[in-house]
């Protein structure tokens, strides 16, 4: 019997020891878990500390200083503000529209521009019938669609090398175009386009009138006559100082740029089909990856593409 009791006592003792061992192991596991949490918290606190400390140096607002017009910094500042404005007002943006909107006027008063435009077009249509060397075209040519630009010219069949951009107010577009053409009449040739009133109402642009030029002499001849018009009718040039900052300017109101290179070309489109004798206004633009793209013959189009790729 005593031997049995001793065996039982030993078994109970072993069970008790085992229970204590398990209890201690559980207690140690809890302590280890707690220590790990504290250690991780400490590590996180140590990691986050510099960030929290740096908040005292946070710049609340970019320091303001006046950028000089005509500089690259000014142009880029205007461009970035244009992206922000278009995103806020329209929910999205694209590079070309931001570019043509730079320095444009919004919510302009129409004045009598629509009536003046109708009268001017009637007179130009009569002249087109009478003079073979005179051109009036609507853009687009399809008369069932709304006119965006009117193209007008005297002996306009010359190769365009340069362009002049004027950014007048909507109310003055038709009258300014008329007076410019009046002062261009003593020249052998001229070619310009001006925005329709409907286009000016719907789209903000930084050029309402574009004048096409064949060489540097033509540029100077036209610029001299624009200056003459400005002297005669300064009120018509109201707002012309708001010019696209990426484009060179003369006198702070007359912007000008080279015509993008264009010629008849043979290229392959995305379907590897050869395009023969592309229209003269087709332009090949070679991007930064040496890929070739077809673009409209537009200074702004090429610049917008370059800005897009520089992001």
Protein backbone atom coordinates (compact mmCIF):
# COMPACT_ATOMS: atom_id res chain seq x y z
CA UNK A 1 0.00 0.00 0.00
CA UNK A 2 2.74 2.40 0.93
CA UNK A 3 4.42 1.66 -2.36
CA UNK A 4 1.15 2.52 -4.20
CA UNK A 5 0.75 5.78 -2.25
CA UNK A 6 4.29 6.73 -2.98
CA UNK A 7 3.70 6.09 -6.69
CA UNK A 8 0.51 8.17 -6.59
CA UNK A 9 2.20 10.97 -4.71
CA UNK A 10 4.98 10.93 -7.26
CA UNK A 11 2.50 11.04 -10.13
CA UNK A 12 0.56 13.93 -8.51
CA UNK A 13 3.80 15.75 -7.88
CA UNK A 14 4.85 15.30 -11.48
CA UNK A 15 1.46 16.58 -12.67
CA UNK A 16 1.73 19.55 -10.33
CA UNK A 17 5.22 20.28 -11.59
CA UNK A 18 3.99 19.94 -15.18
CA UNK A 19 1.10 22.35 -14.51
CA UNK A 20 3.47 24.86 -12.95
CA UNK A 21 5.81 24.48 -15.90
CA UNK A 22 2.98 25.04 -18.41
CA UNK A 23 1.74 28.00 -16.37
CA UNK A 24 5.20 29.51 -16.30
CA UNK A 25 5.60 28.96 -20.02
CA UNK A 26 2.29 30.72 -20.72
CA UNK A 27 3.25 33.56 -18.41
CA UNK A 28 6.61 33.87 -20.15
CA UNK A 29 4.91 33.83 -23.56
CA UNK A 30 2.65 36.70 -22.48
CA UNK A 31 5.62 38.62 -21.18
CA UNK A 32 7.52 38.04 -24.42
CA UNK A 33 4.53 39.16 -26.48
CA UNK A 34 4.13 42.27 -24.39
CA UNK A 35 7.84 43.05 -24.68
CA UNK A 36 7.69 42.59 -28.45
CA UNK A 37 4.77 45.02 -28.72
CA UNK A 38 6.59 47.56 -26.57
CA UNK A 39 9.74 47.10 -28.63
CA UNK A 40 7.86 47.56 -31.93
CA UNK A 41 6.09 50.60 -30.53
CA UNK A 42 9.40 51.97 -29.47
CA UNK A 43 10.86 51.34 -32.89
CA UNK A 44 7.86 53.00 -34.57
CA UNK A 45 8.13 55.93 -32.21
CA UNK A 46 11.83 56.19 -32.96
CA UNK A 47 11.12 56.02 -36.71
CA UNK A 48 8.31 58.59 -36.62
CA UNK A 49 10.10 60.99 -34.35
CA UNK A 50 12.10 62.81 -37.08
CA UNK A 51 8.95 63.22 -39.19
CA UNK A 52 7.02 64.75 -36.30
CA UNK A 53 9.94 66.92 -35.41
CA UNK A 54 10.19 68.22 -38.96
CA UNK A 55 6.62 69.54 -38.95
CA UNK A 56 7.87 72.67 -37.26
CA UNK A 57 9.87 73.41 -40.42
CA UNK A 58 6.95 72.79 -42.79
CA UNK A 59 6.58 75.49 -45.46
CA UNK A 60 3.00 76.71 -45.31
CA UNK A 61 3.18 78.77 -48.50
CA UNK A 62 5.67 79.07 -51.31
CA UNK A 63 7.56 82.36 -50.96
CA UNK A 64 6.29 84.88 -53.45
CA UNK A 65 8.46 86.96 -55.68
CA UNK A 66 7.67 88.60 -58.97
CA UNK A 67 8.84 86.58 -61.94
CA UNK A 68 10.14 88.56 -64.88
CA UNK A 69 8.00 88.27 -67.98
CA UNK A 70 9.78 86.75 -70.93
CA UNK A 71 11.84 84.36 -68.80
CA UNK A 72 11.55 80.58 -68.84
CA UNK A 73 10.62 80.61 -65.14
CA UNK A 74 7.69 82.93 -65.87
CA UNK A 75 6.50 80.79 -68.78
CA UNK A 76 6.63 77.58 -66.75
CA UNK A 77 4.88 79.26 -63.81
CA UNK A 78 2.05 80.34 -66.12
CA UNK A 79 1.88 76.89 -67.68
CA UNK A 80 1.60 75.09 -64.32
CA UNK A 81 -1.04 77.56 -63.14
CA UNK A 82 -2.90 76.88 -66.38
CA UNK A 83 -2.90 73.14 -65.67
CA UNK A 84 -4.19 73.75 -62.13
CA UNK A 85 -6.90 76.16 -63.30
CA UNK A 86 -8.16 73.86 -66.07
CA UNK A 87 -8.17 70.86 -63.72
CA UNK A 88 -10.15 72.77 -61.09
CA UNK A 89 -12.67 74.24 -63.53
CA UNK A 90 -13.08 71.37 -66.00
CA UNK A 91 -11.96 68.32 -64.05
CA UNK A 92 -9.24 67.41 -66.56
CA UNK A 93 -6.72 68.99 -68.92
CA UNK A 94 -4.52 68.31 -71.92
CA UNK A 95 -1.24 69.94 -72.85
CA UNK A 96 -2.39 71.62 -76.07
CA UNK A 97 -5.47 73.25 -74.55
CA UNK A 98 -3.47 74.51 -71.57
CA UNK A 99 -0.97 76.06 -73.95
CA UNK A 100 -3.49 77.92 -76.10
CA UNK A 101 -5.34 79.05 -72.97
CA UNK A 102 -2.30 80.76 -71.45
CA UNK A 103 -2.99 84.47 -70.97
CA UNK A 104 -6.44 84.05 -72.51
CA UNK A 105 -9.47 86.01 -71.36
CA UNK A 106 -12.48 84.29 -69.78
CA UNK A 107 -16.12 85.39 -69.74
CA UNK A 108 -15.51 88.23 -72.16
CA UNK A 109 -18.09 90.83 -73.05
CA UNK A 110 -19.15 90.26 -76.67
CA UNK A 111 -19.92 93.91 -77.44
CA UNK A 112 -21.05 94.22 -81.07
CA UNK A 113 -18.54 91.67 -82.37
CA UNK A 114 -21.09 89.27 -83.81
CA UNK A 115 -22.83 92.02 -85.81
CA UNK A 116 -19.48 93.42 -86.93
CA UNK A 117 -18.36 89.95 -87.98
CA UNK A 118 -21.46 89.40 -90.12
CA UNK A 119 -20.98 92.75 -91.86
CA UNK A 120 -17.29 92.10 -92.45
CA UNK A 121 -17.90 88.64 -93.91
CA UNK A 122 -20.55 90.01 -96.27
CA UNK A 123 -18.08 92.61 -97.57
CA UNK A 124 -15.31 90.03 -97.92
CA UNK A 125 -17.61 87.67 -99.84
CA UNK A 126 -18.39 90.46 -102.31
CA UNK A 127 -14.68 91.18 -102.75
CA UNK A 128 -13.93 87.50 -103.31
CA UNK A 129 -16.34 87.51 -106.23
CA UNK A 130 -14.78 90.62 -107.73
CA UNK A 131 -11.06 89.88 -107.19
CA UNK A 132 -9.44 86.62 -108.30
CA UNK A 133 -6.40 87.14 -106.11
CA UNK A 134 -8.49 87.43 -102.94
CA UNK A 135 -9.34 84.49 -100.66
CA UNK A 136 -11.99 83.96 -98.00
CA UNK A 137 -12.33 80.51 -96.46
CA UNK A 138 -14.11 79.16 -93.45
CA UNK A 139 -12.54 76.65 -91.10
CA UNK A 140 -13.91 74.04 -91.32
CA UNK A 141 -14.90 74.34 -94.98
CA UNK A 142 -18.08 72.37 -94.38
CA UNK A 143 -20.73 75.12 -94.12
CA UNK A 144 -23.05 72.81 -92.16
CA UNK A 145 -20.60 73.01 -89.26
CA UNK A 146 -19.95 76.00 -87.04
CA UNK A 147 -17.12 78.25 -88.22
CA UNK A 148 -14.07 78.31 -85.95
CA UNK A 149 -11.80 80.64 -87.95
CA UNK A 150 -12.09 82.80 -91.05
CA UNK A 151 -9.05 82.67 -93.35
CA UNK A 152 -8.52 85.80 -95.45
CA UNK A 153 -5.73 86.67 -97.87
CA UNK A 154 -4.50 88.61 -100.86
CA UNK A 155 -2.25 86.49 -103.11
CA UNK A 156 -1.95 84.07 -100.18
CA UNK A 157 -0.26 81.24 -102.09
CA UNK A 158 3.17 81.60 -100.51
CA UNK A 159 5.16 79.24 -98.32
CA UNK A 160 4.62 80.24 -94.71
CA UNK A 161 7.83 80.68 -92.69
CA UNK A 162 6.66 82.69 -89.66
CA UNK A 163 3.54 83.65 -87.73
CA UNK A 164 2.32 86.63 -85.73
CA UNK A 165 -0.22 86.18 -82.92
CA UNK A 166 -2.51 88.92 -81.56
CA UNK A 167 -4.60 88.40 -78.45
CA UNK A 168 -7.25 91.12 -78.57
CA UNK A 169 -10.51 91.04 -76.66
CA UNK A 170 -13.52 89.29 -78.10
CA UNK A 171 -15.48 92.49 -78.67
CA UNK A 172 -12.73 93.85 -80.95
CA UNK A 173 -11.86 90.82 -83.11
CA UNK A 174 -13.82 91.66 -86.28
CA UNK A 175 -13.08 95.41 -86.23
CA UNK A 176 -9.38 94.86 -85.61
CA UNK A 177 -9.19 92.26 -88.40
CA UNK A 178 -10.86 94.74 -90.77
CA UNK A 179 -8.47 97.59 -89.92
CA UNK A 180 -5.43 95.34 -90.19
CA UNK A 181 -6.46 94.18 -93.66
CA UNK A 182 -7.09 97.80 -94.63
CA UNK A 183 -3.50 98.70 -93.72
CA UNK A 184 -2.12 95.57 -95.43
CA UNK A 185 -3.68 96.46 -98.78
CA UNK A 186 -0.58 98.20 -100.16
CA UNK A 187 1.38 94.94 -99.78
CA UNK A 188 1.66 92.44 -102.63
CA UNK A 189 0.36 89.68 -100.37
CA UNK A 190 -0.95 88.94 -96.91
CA UNK A 191 -2.71 86.04 -95.21
CA UNK A 192 -4.41 85.98 -91.81
CA UNK A 193 -7.08 84.15 -89.90
CA UNK A 194 -9.33 85.47 -87.14
CA UNK A 195 -11.55 83.73 -84.64
CA UNK A 196 -15.30 83.62 -85.12
CA UNK A 197 -17.40 85.15 -82.37
CA UNK A 198 -18.88 81.74 -81.52
CA UNK A 199 -15.40 80.28 -81.12
CA UNK A 200 -14.27 83.20 -78.95
CA UNK A 201 -17.32 82.71 -76.76
CA UNK A 202 -16.77 78.98 -76.33
CA UNK A 203 -12.97 78.64 -76.17
CA UNK A 204 -10.44 80.78 -74.31
CA UNK A 205 -7.39 81.31 -76.55
CA UNK A 206 -4.28 83.45 -76.30
CA UNK A 207 -4.43 84.28 -80.01
CA UNK A 208 -7.58 85.60 -81.67
CA UNK A 209 -5.80 86.71 -84.85
CA UNK A 210 -2.94 84.84 -86.56
CA UNK A 211 -0.98 86.41 -89.44
CA UNK A 212 1.13 84.20 -91.73
CA UNK A 213 4.44 85.46 -93.14
CA UNK A 214 6.79 84.34 -95.92
CA UNK A 215 10.11 85.76 -94.68
CA UNK A 216 11.79 88.27 -92.35
CA UNK A 217 11.07 91.21 -94.69
CA UNK A 218 7.41 90.28 -94.73
CA UNK A 219 7.50 90.10 -90.92
CA UNK A 220 8.86 93.66 -90.70
CA UNK A 221 6.41 94.98 -93.32
CA UNK A 222 3.45 93.49 -91.46
CA UNK A 223 4.75 94.54 -88.02
CA UNK A 224 5.14 98.15 -89.25
CA UNK A 225 1.50 98.18 -90.40
CA UNK A 226 0.31 96.61 -87.17
CA UNK A 227 2.09 99.41 -85.31
CA UNK A 228 0.33 101.93 -87.57
CA UNK A 229 -3.03 100.33 -86.79
CA UNK A 230 -2.25 100.39 -83.06
CA UNK A 231 -1.45 104.11 -83.27
CA UNK A 232 -4.72 104.80 -85.09
CA UNK A 233 -6.95 102.56 -82.94
CA UNK A 234 -5.23 101.83 -79.60
CA UNK A 235 -8.52 100.72 -78.03
CA UNK A 236 -8.70 97.76 -80.41
CA UNK A 237 -5.45 96.39 -78.96
CA UNK A 238 -6.82 96.28 -75.43
CA UNK A 239 -5.60 93.05 -73.85
CA UNK A 240 -2.92 92.33 -76.46
CA UNK A 241 -0.24 92.50 -73.80
CA UNK A 242 -1.61 89.21 -72.48
CA UNK A 243 0.52 87.03 -74.73
CA UNK A 244 1.56 83.40 -74.58
CA UNK A 245 4.70 83.48 -72.37
CA UNK A 246 6.44 80.74 -74.38
CA UNK A 247 6.44 82.80 -77.57
CA UNK A 248 8.79 85.66 -78.45
CA UNK A 249 7.22 89.08 -78.60
CA UNK A 250 7.77 92.50 -80.08
CA UNK A 251 6.73 95.59 -78.14
CA UNK A 252 5.15 93.48 -75.42
CA UNK A 253 1.97 92.82 -77.41
CA UNK A 254 2.88 91.21 -80.75
CA UNK A 255 3.89 87.56 -80.39
CA UNK A 256 5.67 85.75 -83.20
CA UNK A 257 7.19 82.34 -83.94
CA UNK A 258 8.63 80.28 -86.77
CA UNK A 259 6.28 78.11 -88.77
CA UNK A 260 6.90 74.41 -88.01
CA UNK A 261 8.76 72.70 -90.85
CA UNK A 262 6.33 70.99 -93.22
CA UNK A 263 6.66 69.31 -96.59
CA UNK A 264 5.20 66.48 -98.62
CA UNK A 265 6.28 63.29 -96.89
CA UNK A 266 5.92 59.52 -97.04
CA UNK A 267 5.45 57.77 -93.71
CA UNK A 268 3.83 54.67 -92.31
CA UNK A 269 0.92 54.87 -89.96
CA UNK A 270 0.25 52.57 -87.00
CA UNK A 271 -1.21 49.93 -89.32
CA UNK A 272 2.04 49.97 -91.36
CA UNK A 273 0.20 51.38 -94.35
CA UNK A 274 2.21 53.83 -96.42
CA UNK A 275 0.70 57.31 -96.60
CA UNK A 276 1.59 58.85 -99.95
CA UNK A 277 1.85 62.60 -100.53
CA UNK A 278 0.74 63.83 -97.18
CA UNK A 279 -0.89 67.28 -97.21
CA UNK A 280 1.60 70.13 -96.95
CA UNK A 281 0.33 70.96 -93.48
CA UNK A 282 1.37 67.56 -92.13
CA UNK A 283 4.37 67.74 -89.85
CA UNK A 284 6.76 65.09 -88.63
CA UNK A 285 7.85 65.59 -85.05
CA UNK A 286 10.71 63.46 -83.73
CA UNK A 287 10.22 62.83 -80.04
CA UNK A 288 12.83 62.16 -77.38
CA UNK A 289 12.72 58.42 -78.06
CA UNK A 290 13.42 58.99 -81.76
CA UNK A 291 9.86 58.05 -82.59
CA UNK A 292 8.15 59.96 -85.39
CA UNK A 293 4.72 61.47 -84.98
CA UNK A 294 2.41 63.30 -87.34
CA UNK A 295 1.26 66.63 -85.99
CA UNK A 296 -0.80 69.55 -87.14
CA UNK A 297 1.22 72.39 -88.62
CA UNK A 298 1.02 74.38 -85.44
CA UNK A 299 3.72 75.93 -83.31
CA UNK A 300 1.57 75.34 -80.24
CA UNK A 301 0.96 71.71 -81.15
CA UNK A 302 4.68 70.97 -81.35
CA UNK A 303 5.43 72.87 -78.15
CA UNK A 304 2.62 71.10 -76.32
CA UNK A 305 4.01 67.73 -77.37
CA UNK A 306 7.49 68.68 -76.19
CA UNK A 307 6.12 69.83 -72.81
CA UNK A 308 4.16 66.60 -72.44
CA UNK A 309 7.29 64.53 -73.01
CA UNK A 310 9.35 66.60 -70.60
CA UNK A 311 7.17 65.65 -67.64
